[in-house]
Amino acid sequence: MPKGRKKRRRDIEKDYPAKQFAAKLRRLADCIEQGRQFRIQVAGERIVVPAGAVINIAHERGRSSEEIEFQLVWPVS
């Protein structure tokens, strides 16, 4: 996307088969260890996660389910 154009807000979740999810996690882990940016396509949009992204893990517990999220957060430019 050209600089100066504003990206639309987006909030999606995409399910993956376990084998495909594990492959994505391995690629992410390699990039994190090597201090490199991570590129991924989610639901048709290409995303570049910078090497300096903040990494955290969130856990939520409700009455009927629990959730763990591996999050990478960075400022938009």
PDB file of N, CA and C in Angstrom:
ATOM      1  N   MET A   1       0.845  -1.175   0.000  1.00  0.00           N
ATOM      2  CA  MET A   1       0.000   0.000   0.000  1.00  0.00           C
ATOM      3  C   MET A   1       0.889   1.235   0.000  1.00  0.00           C
ATOM      4  N   PRO A   2       0.620   2.181  -0.902  1.00  0.00           N
ATOM      5  CA  PRO A   2       1.447   3.387  -0.969  1.00  0.00           C
ATOM      6  C   PRO A   2       1.403   4.169   0.337  1.00  0.00           C
ATOM      7  N   LYS A   3       2.527   4.821   0.644  1.00  0.00           N
ATOM      8  CA  LYS A   3       2.574   5.641   1.860  1.00  0.00           C
ATOM      9  C   LYS A   3       1.546   6.751   1.765  1.00  0.00           C
ATOM     10  N   GLY A   4       0.976   7.114   2.912  1.00  0.00           N
ATOM     11  CA  GLY A   4      -0.007   8.168   2.947  1.00  0.00           C
ATOM     12  C   GLY A   4      -1.437   7.660   2.884  1.00  0.00           C
ATOM     13  N   ARG A   5      -1.644   6.459   2.339  1.00  0.00           N
ATOM     14  CA  ARG A   5      -2.991   5.898   2.313  1.00  0.00           C
ATOM     15  C   ARG A   5      -3.265   5.202   3.624  1.00  0.00           C
ATOM     16  N   LYS A   6      -4.431   5.447   4.146  1.00  0.00           N
ATOM     17  CA  LYS A   6      -4.804   4.880   5.430  1.00  0.00           C
ATOM     18  C   LYS A   6      -5.342   3.472   5.248  1.00  0.00           C
ATOM     19  N   LYS A   7      -4.873   2.543   6.075  1.00  0.00           N
ATOM     20  CA  LYS A   7      -5.381   1.174   6.036  1.00  0.00           C
ATOM     21  C   LYS A   7      -6.714   1.104   6.760  1.00  0.00           C
ATOM     22  N   ARG A   8      -7.604   0.258   6.259  1.00  0.00           N
ATOM     23  CA  ARG A   8      -8.893   0.071   6.921  1.00  0.00           C
ATOM     24  C   ARG A   8      -8.704  -0.731   8.197  1.00  0.00           C
ATOM     25  N   ARG A   9      -9.570  -0.472   9.168  1.00  0.00           N
ATOM     26  CA  ARG A   9      -9.552  -1.248  10.410  1.00  0.00           C
ATOM     27  C   ARG A   9      -9.906  -2.684  10.074  1.00  0.00           C
ATOM     28  N   ARG A  10      -9.382  -3.598  10.850  1.00  0.00           N
ATOM     29  CA  ARG A  10      -9.586  -5.010  10.559  1.00  0.00           C
ATOM     30  C   ARG A  10      -9.518  -5.793  11.862  1.00  0.00           C
ATOM     31  N   ASP A  11     -10.411  -6.742  12.026  1.00  0.00           N
ATOM     32  CA  ASP A  11     -10.407  -7.622  13.203  1.00  0.00           C
ATOM     33  C   ASP A  11     -10.985  -8.956  12.766  1.00  0.00           C
ATOM     34  N   ILE A  12     -10.099  -9.888  12.408  1.00  0.00           N
ATOM     35  CA  ILE A  12     -10.550 -11.194  11.938  1.00  0.00           C
ATOM     36  C   ILE A  12      -9.820 -12.297  12.670  1.00  0.00           C
ATOM     37  N   GLU A  13     -10.358 -13.470  12.605  1.00  0.00           N
ATOM     38  CA  GLU A  13      -9.691 -14.687  13.067  1.00  0.00           C
ATOM     39  C   GLU A  13      -9.785 -15.690  11.946  1.00  0.00           C
ATOM     40  N   LYS A  14      -8.732 -16.455  11.744  1.00  0.00           N
ATOM     41  CA  LYS A  14      -8.722 -17.472  10.701  1.00  0.00           C
ATOM     42  C   LYS A  14      -8.243 -18.777  11.299  1.00  0.00           C
ATOM     43  N   ASP A  15      -9.005 -19.826  11.081  1.00  0.00           N
ATOM     44  CA  ASP A  15      -8.630 -21.158  11.561  1.00  0.00           C
ATOM     45  C   ASP A  15      -7.695 -21.829  10.561  1.00  0.00           C
ATOM     46  N   TYR A  16      -6.725 -22.592  11.092  1.00  0.00           N
ATOM     47  CA  TYR A  16      -5.779 -23.333  10.264  1.00  0.00           C
ATOM     48  C   TYR A  16      -5.703 -24.769  10.762  1.00  0.00           C
ATOM     49  N   PRO A  17      -5.443 -25.711   9.864  1.00  0.00           N
ATOM     50  CA  PRO A  17      -5.162 -27.083  10.312  1.00  0.00           C
ATOM     51  C   PRO A  17      -3.894 -27.075  11.171  1.00  0.00           C
ATOM     52  N   ALA A  18      -3.794 -28.000  12.105  1.00  0.00           N
ATOM     53  CA  ALA A  18      -2.675 -28.033  13.059  1.00  0.00           C
ATOM     54  C   ALA A  18      -1.314 -28.021  12.359  1.00  0.00           C
ATOM     55  N   LYS A  19      -1.147 -28.789  11.306  1.00  0.00           N
ATOM     56  CA  LYS A  19       0.153 -28.875  10.624  1.00  0.00           C
ATOM     57  C   LYS A  19       0.539 -27.528   9.997  1.00  0.00           C
ATOM     58  N   GLN A  20      -0.408 -26.851   9.391  1.00  0.00           N
ATOM     59  CA  GLN A  20      -0.146 -25.558   8.775  1.00  0.00           C
ATOM     60  C   GLN A  20       0.138 -24.497   9.852  1.00  0.00           C
ATOM     61  N   PHE A  21      -0.594 -24.531  10.951  1.00  0.00           N
ATOM     62  CA  PHE A  21      -0.373 -23.603  12.051  1.00  0.00           C
ATOM     63  C   PHE A  21       1.031 -23.789  12.633  1.00  0.00           C
ATOM     64  N   ALA A  22       1.433 -25.041  12.830  1.00  0.00           N
ATOM     65  CA  ALA A  22       2.771 -25.330  13.374  1.00  0.00           C
ATOM     66  C   ALA A  22       3.863 -24.804  12.443  1.00  0.00           C
ATOM     67  N   ALA A  23       3.671 -24.933  11.145  1.00  0.00           N
ATOM     68  CA  ALA A  23       4.664 -24.427  10.189  1.00  0.00           C
ATOM     69  C   ALA A  23       4.790 -22.913  10.290  1.00  0.00           C
ATOM     70  N   LYS A  24       3.663 -22.223  10.450  1.00  0.00           N
ATOM     71  CA  LYS A  24       3.698 -20.767  10.594  1.00  0.00           C
ATOM     72  C   LYS A  24       4.407 -20.365  11.890  1.00  0.00           C
ATOM     73  N   LEU A  25       4.132 -21.092  12.967  1.00  0.00           N
ATOM     74  CA  LEU A  25       4.809 -20.806  14.238  1.00  0.00           C
ATOM     75  C   LEU A  25       6.315 -21.012  14.126  1.00  0.00           C
ATOM     76  N   ARG A  26       6.731 -22.061  13.409  1.00  0.00           N
ATOM     77  CA  ARG A  26       8.172 -22.310  13.230  1.00  0.00           C
ATOM     78  C   ARG A  26       8.837 -21.172  12.463  1.00  0.00           C
ATOM     79  N   ARG A  27       8.182 -20.712  11.397  1.00  0.00           N
ATOM     80  CA  ARG A  27       8.733 -19.590  10.640  1.00  0.00           C
ATOM     81  C   ARG A  27       8.823 -18.343  11.509  1.00  0.00           C
ATOM     82  N   LEU A  28       7.770 -18.089  12.306  1.00  0.00           N
ATOM     83  CA  LEU A  28       7.765 -16.939  13.203  1.00  0.00           C
ATOM     84  C   LEU A  28       8.898 -17.052  14.219  1.00  0.00           C
ATOM     85  N   ALA A  29       9.036 -18.216  14.836  1.00  0.00           N
ATOM     86  CA  ALA A  29      10.092 -18.417  15.842  1.00  0.00           C
ATOM     87  C   ALA A  29      11.475 -18.190  15.237  1.00  0.00           C
ATOM     88  N   ASP A  30      11.697 -18.678  14.024  1.00  0.00           N
ATOM     89  CA  ASP A  30      12.990 -18.469  13.363  1.00  0.00           C
ATOM     90  C   ASP A  30      13.267 -16.975  13.166  1.00  0.00           C
ATOM     91  N   CYS A  31      12.256 -16.233  12.718  1.00  0.00           N
ATOM     92  CA  CYS A  31      12.439 -14.793  12.505  1.00  0.00           C
ATOM     93  C   CYS A  31      12.715 -14.074  13.821  1.00  0.00           C
ATOM     94  N   ILE A  32      11.992 -14.436  14.871  1.00  0.00           N
ATOM     95  CA  ILE A  32      12.206 -13.809  16.178  1.00  0.00           C
ATOM     96  C   ILE A  32      13.629 -14.064  16.652  1.00  0.00           C
ATOM     97  N   GLU A  33      14.081 -15.316  16.583  1.00  0.00           N
ATOM     98  CA  GLU A  33      15.438 -15.666  17.038  1.00  0.00           C
ATOM     99  C   GLU A  33      16.512 -14.944  16.239  1.00  0.00           C
ATOM    100  N   GLN A  34      16.261 -14.746  14.952  1.00  0.00           N
ATOM    101  CA  GLN A  34      17.262 -14.133  14.078  1.00  0.00           C
ATOM    102  C   GLN A  34      17.129 -12.610  13.995  1.00  0.00           C
ATOM    103  N   GLY A  35      16.140 -12.041  14.707  1.00  0.00           N
ATOM    104  CA  GLY A  35      15.958 -10.596  14.701  1.00  0.00           C
ATOM    105  C   GLY A  35      15.500 -10.052  13.359  1.00  0.00           C
ATOM    106  N   ARG A  36      14.728 -10.855  12.620  1.00  0.00           N
ATOM    107  CA  ARG A  36      14.245 -10.447  11.293  1.00  0.00           C
ATOM    108  C   ARG A  36      12.752 -10.162  11.319  1.00  0.00           C
ATOM    109  N   GLN A  37      12.302  -9.374  10.349  1.00  0.00           N
ATOM    110  CA  GLN A  37      10.869  -9.154  10.207  1.00  0.00           C
ATOM    111  C   GLN A  37      10.198 -10.454   9.766  1.00  0.00           C
ATOM    112  N   PHE A  38       8.915 -10.565  10.048  1.00  0.00           N
ATOM    113  CA  PHE A  38       8.130 -11.758   9.719  1.00  0.00           C
ATOM    114  C   PHE A  38       7.044 -11.357   8.736  1.00  0.00           C
ATOM    115  N   ARG A  39       6.928 -12.082   7.645  1.00  0.00           N
ATOM    116  CA  ARG A  39       5.899 -11.814   6.640  1.00  0.00           C
ATOM    117  C   ARG A  39       4.905 -12.956   6.632  1.00  0.00           C
ATOM    118  N   ILE A  40       3.618 -12.585   6.602  1.00  0.00           N
ATOM    119  CA  ILE A  40       2.562 -13.588   6.612  1.00  0.00           C
ATOM    120  C   ILE A  40       1.361 -13.031   5.852  1.00  0.00           C
ATOM    121  N   GLN A  41       0.576 -13.926   5.279  1.00  0.00           N
ATOM    122  CA  GLN A  41      -0.664 -13.526   4.632  1.00  0.00           C
ATOM    123  C   GLN A  41      -1.809 -14.126   5.438  1.00  0.00           C
ATOM    124  N   VAL A  42      -2.751 -13.276   5.838  1.00  0.00           N
ATOM    125  CA  VAL A  42      -3.910 -13.710   6.622  1.00  0.00           C
ATOM    126  C   VAL A  42      -5.172 -13.276   5.889  1.00  0.00           C
ATOM    127  N   ALA A  43      -5.990 -14.231   5.531  1.00  0.00           N
ATOM    128  CA  ALA A  43      -7.264 -13.945   4.852  1.00  0.00           C
ATOM    129  C   ALA A  43      -7.082 -12.978   3.691  1.00  0.00           C
ATOM    130  N   GLY A  44      -6.057 -13.230   2.877  1.00  0.00           N
ATOM    131  CA  GLY A  44      -5.846 -12.459   1.665  1.00  0.00           C
ATOM    132  C   GLY A  44      -5.052 -11.178   1.805  1.00  0.00           C
ATOM    133  N   GLU A  45      -4.664 -10.793   3.012  1.00  0.00           N
ATOM    134  CA  GLU A  45      -3.877  -9.570   3.197  1.00  0.00           C
ATOM    135  C   GLU A  45      -2.476  -9.914   3.658  1.00  0.00           C
ATOM    136  N   ARG A  46      -1.489  -9.330   2.984  1.00  0.00           N
ATOM    137  CA  ARG A  46      -0.090  -9.537   3.370  1.00  0.00           C
ATOM    138  C   ARG A  46       0.267  -8.583   4.496  1.00  0.00           C
ATOM    139  N   ILE A  47       0.934  -9.127   5.499  1.00  0.00           N
ATOM    140  CA  ILE A  47       1.286  -8.354   6.690  1.00  0.00           C
ATOM    141  C   ILE A  47       2.773  -8.542   6.958  1.00  0.00           C
ATOM    142  N   VAL A  48       3.441  -7.456   7.286  1.00  0.00           N
ATOM    143  CA  VAL A  48       4.853  -7.510   7.661  1.00  0.00           C
ATOM    144  C   VAL A  48       4.953  -7.090   9.117  1.00  0.00           C
ATOM    145  N   VAL A  49       5.451  -8.005   9.938  1.00  0.00           N
ATOM    146  CA  VAL A  49       5.659  -7.740  11.366  1.00  0.00           C
ATOM    147  C   VAL A  49       7.121  -7.331  11.533  1.00  0.00           C
ATOM    148  N   PRO A  50       7.388  -6.115  12.007  1.00  0.00           N
ATOM    149  CA  PRO A  50       8.781  -5.684  12.145  1.00  0.00           C
ATOM    150  C   PRO A  50       9.517  -6.466  13.231  1.00  0.00           C
ATOM    151  N   ALA A  51      10.824  -6.509  13.086  1.00  0.00           N
ATOM    152  CA  ALA A  51      11.654  -7.247  14.039  1.00  0.00           C
ATOM    153  C   ALA A  51      11.500  -6.724  15.463  1.00  0.00           C
ATOM    154  N   GLY A  52      11.195  -5.458  15.637  1.00  0.00           N
ATOM    155  CA  GLY A  52      11.086  -4.862  16.964  1.00  0.00           C
ATOM    156  C   GLY A  52       9.699  -4.946  17.589  1.00  0.00           C
ATOM    157  N   ALA A  53       8.811  -5.733  17.025  1.00  0.00           N
ATOM    158  CA  ALA A  53       7.457  -5.851  17.575  1.00  0.00           C
ATOM    159  C   ALA A  53       7.505  -6.378  19.008  1.00  0.00           C
ATOM    160  N   VAL A  54       6.586  -5.903  19.837  1.00  0.00           N
ATOM    161  CA  VAL A  54       6.475  -6.383  21.217  1.00  0.00           C
ATOM    162  C   VAL A  54       5.744  -7.717  21.185  1.00  0.00           C
ATOM    163  N   ILE A  55       6.284  -8.691  21.887  1.00  0.00           N
ATOM    164  CA  ILE A  55       5.717 -10.040  21.907  1.00  0.00           C
ATOM    165  C   ILE A  55       5.147 -10.305  23.286  1.00  0.00           C
ATOM    166  N   ASN A  56       3.888 -10.756  23.333  1.00  0.00           N
ATOM    167  CA  ASN A  56       3.317 -11.126  24.626  1.00  0.00           C
ATOM    168  C   ASN A  56       2.349 -12.290  24.451  1.00  0.00           C
ATOM    169  N   ILE A  57       2.008 -12.879  25.555  1.00  0.00           N
ATOM    170  CA  ILE A  57       1.065 -13.997  25.572  1.00  0.00           C
ATOM    171  C   ILE A  57      -0.077 -13.615  26.503  1.00  0.00           C
ATOM    172  N   ALA A  58      -1.296 -13.757  26.005  1.00  0.00           N
ATOM    173  CA  ALA A  58      -2.487 -13.427  26.788  1.00  0.00           C
ATOM    174  C   ALA A  58      -3.269 -14.701  27.077  1.00  0.00           C
ATOM    175  N   HIS A  59      -3.868 -14.762  28.265  1.00  0.00           N
ATOM    176  CA  HIS A  59      -4.701 -15.904  28.649  1.00  0.00           C
ATOM    177  C   HIS A  59      -6.029 -15.381  29.167  1.00  0.00           C
ATOM    178  N   GLU A  60      -7.107 -15.932  28.643  1.00  0.00           N
ATOM    179  CA  GLU A  60      -8.450 -15.559  29.102  1.00  0.00           C
ATOM    180  C   GLU A  60      -9.187 -16.831  29.517  1.00  0.00           C
ATOM    181  N   ARG A  61      -9.947 -16.730  30.591  1.00  0.00           N
ATOM    182  CA  ARG A  61     -10.744 -17.863  31.056  1.00  0.00           C
ATOM    183  C   ARG A  61     -12.170 -17.390  31.260  1.00  0.00           C
ATOM    184  N   GLY A  62     -13.108 -18.085  30.650  1.00  0.00           N
ATOM    185  CA  GLY A  62     -14.519 -17.801  30.822  1.00  0.00           C
ATOM    186  C   GLY A  62     -15.205 -18.995  31.464  1.00  0.00           C
ATOM    187  N   ARG A  63     -16.513 -18.949  31.524  1.00  0.00           N
ATOM    188  CA  ARG A  63     -17.271 -20.052  32.118  1.00  0.00           C
ATOM    189  C   ARG A  63     -17.168 -21.339  31.309  1.00  0.00           C
ATOM    190  N   SER A  64     -17.136 -21.194  29.980  1.00  0.00           N
ATOM    191  CA  SER A  64     -17.195 -22.395  29.143  1.00  0.00           C
ATOM    192  C   SER A  64     -15.971 -22.623  28.258  1.00  0.00           C
ATOM    193  N   SER A  65     -14.988 -21.710  28.301  1.00  0.00           N
ATOM    194  CA  SER A  65     -13.801 -21.907  27.465  1.00  0.00           C
ATOM    195  C   SER A  65     -12.618 -21.109  28.002  1.00  0.00           C
ATOM    196  N   GLU A  66     -11.437 -21.470  27.510  1.00  0.00           N
ATOM    197  CA  GLU A  66     -10.208 -20.731  27.803  1.00  0.00           C
ATOM    198  C   GLU A  66      -9.539 -20.403  26.485  1.00  0.00           C
ATOM    199  N   GLU A  67      -8.701 -19.380  26.518  1.00  0.00           N
ATOM    200  CA  GLU A  67      -8.058 -18.919  25.296  1.00  0.00           C
ATOM    201  C   GLU A  67      -6.648 -18.457  25.605  1.00  0.00           C
ATOM    202  N   ILE A  68      -5.722 -18.817  24.722  1.00  0.00           N
ATOM    203  CA  ILE A  68      -4.356 -18.291  24.770  1.00  0.00           C
ATOM    204  C   ILE A  68      -4.107 -17.605  23.440  1.00  0.00           C
ATOM    205  N   GLU A  69      -3.592 -16.398  23.501  1.00  0.00           N
ATOM    206  CA  GLU A  69      -3.241 -15.648  22.300  1.00  0.00           C
ATOM    207  C   GLU A  69      -1.763 -15.306  22.337  1.00  0.00           C
ATOM    208  N   PHE A  70      -1.059 -15.620  21.270  1.00  0.00           N
ATOM    209  CA  PHE A  70       0.315 -15.188  21.091  1.00  0.00           C
ATOM    210  C   PHE A  70       0.222 -13.907  20.273  1.00  0.00           C
ATOM    211  N   GLN A  71       0.641 -12.795  20.865  1.00  0.00           N
ATOM    212  CA  GLN A  71       0.432 -11.498  20.231  1.00  0.00           C
ATOM    213  C   GLN A  71       1.749 -10.836  19.871  1.00  0.00           C
ATOM    214  N   LEU A  72       1.742 -10.188  18.727  1.00  0.00           N
ATOM    215  CA  LEU A  72       2.841  -9.330  18.308  1.00  0.00           C
ATOM    216  C   LEU A  72       2.231  -7.962  18.046  1.00  0.00           C
ATOM    217  N   VAL A  73       2.749  -6.923  18.700  1.00  0.00           N
ATOM    218  CA  VAL A  73       2.166  -5.594  18.618  1.00  0.00           C
ATOM    219  C   VAL A  73       3.244  -4.607  18.197  1.00  0.00           C
ATOM    220  N   TRP A  74       2.884  -3.711  17.235  1.00  0.00           N
ATOM    221  CA  TRP A  74       3.811  -2.699  16.778  1.00  0.00           C
ATOM    222  C   TRP A  74       3.029  -1.466  16.344  1.00  0.00           C
ATOM    223  N   PRO A  75       3.653  -0.304  16.379  1.00  0.00           N
ATOM    224  CA  PRO A  75       2.948   0.918  15.955  1.00  0.00           C
ATOM    225  C   PRO A  75       2.762   0.938  14.449  1.00  0.00           C
ATOM    226  N   VAL A  76       1.670   1.552  14.019  1.00  0.00           N
ATOM    227  CA  VAL A  76       1.448   1.723  12.584  1.00  0.00           C
ATOM    228  C   VAL A  76       2.205   2.948  12.116  1.00  0.00           C
ATOM    229  N   SER A  77       2.659   2.876  10.887  1.00  0.00           N
ATOM    230  CA  SER A  77       3.426   4.028  10.363  1.00  0.00           C
ATOM    231  C   SER A  77       2.683   4.715   9.257  1.00  0.00           C
TER     232      SER A  77
END
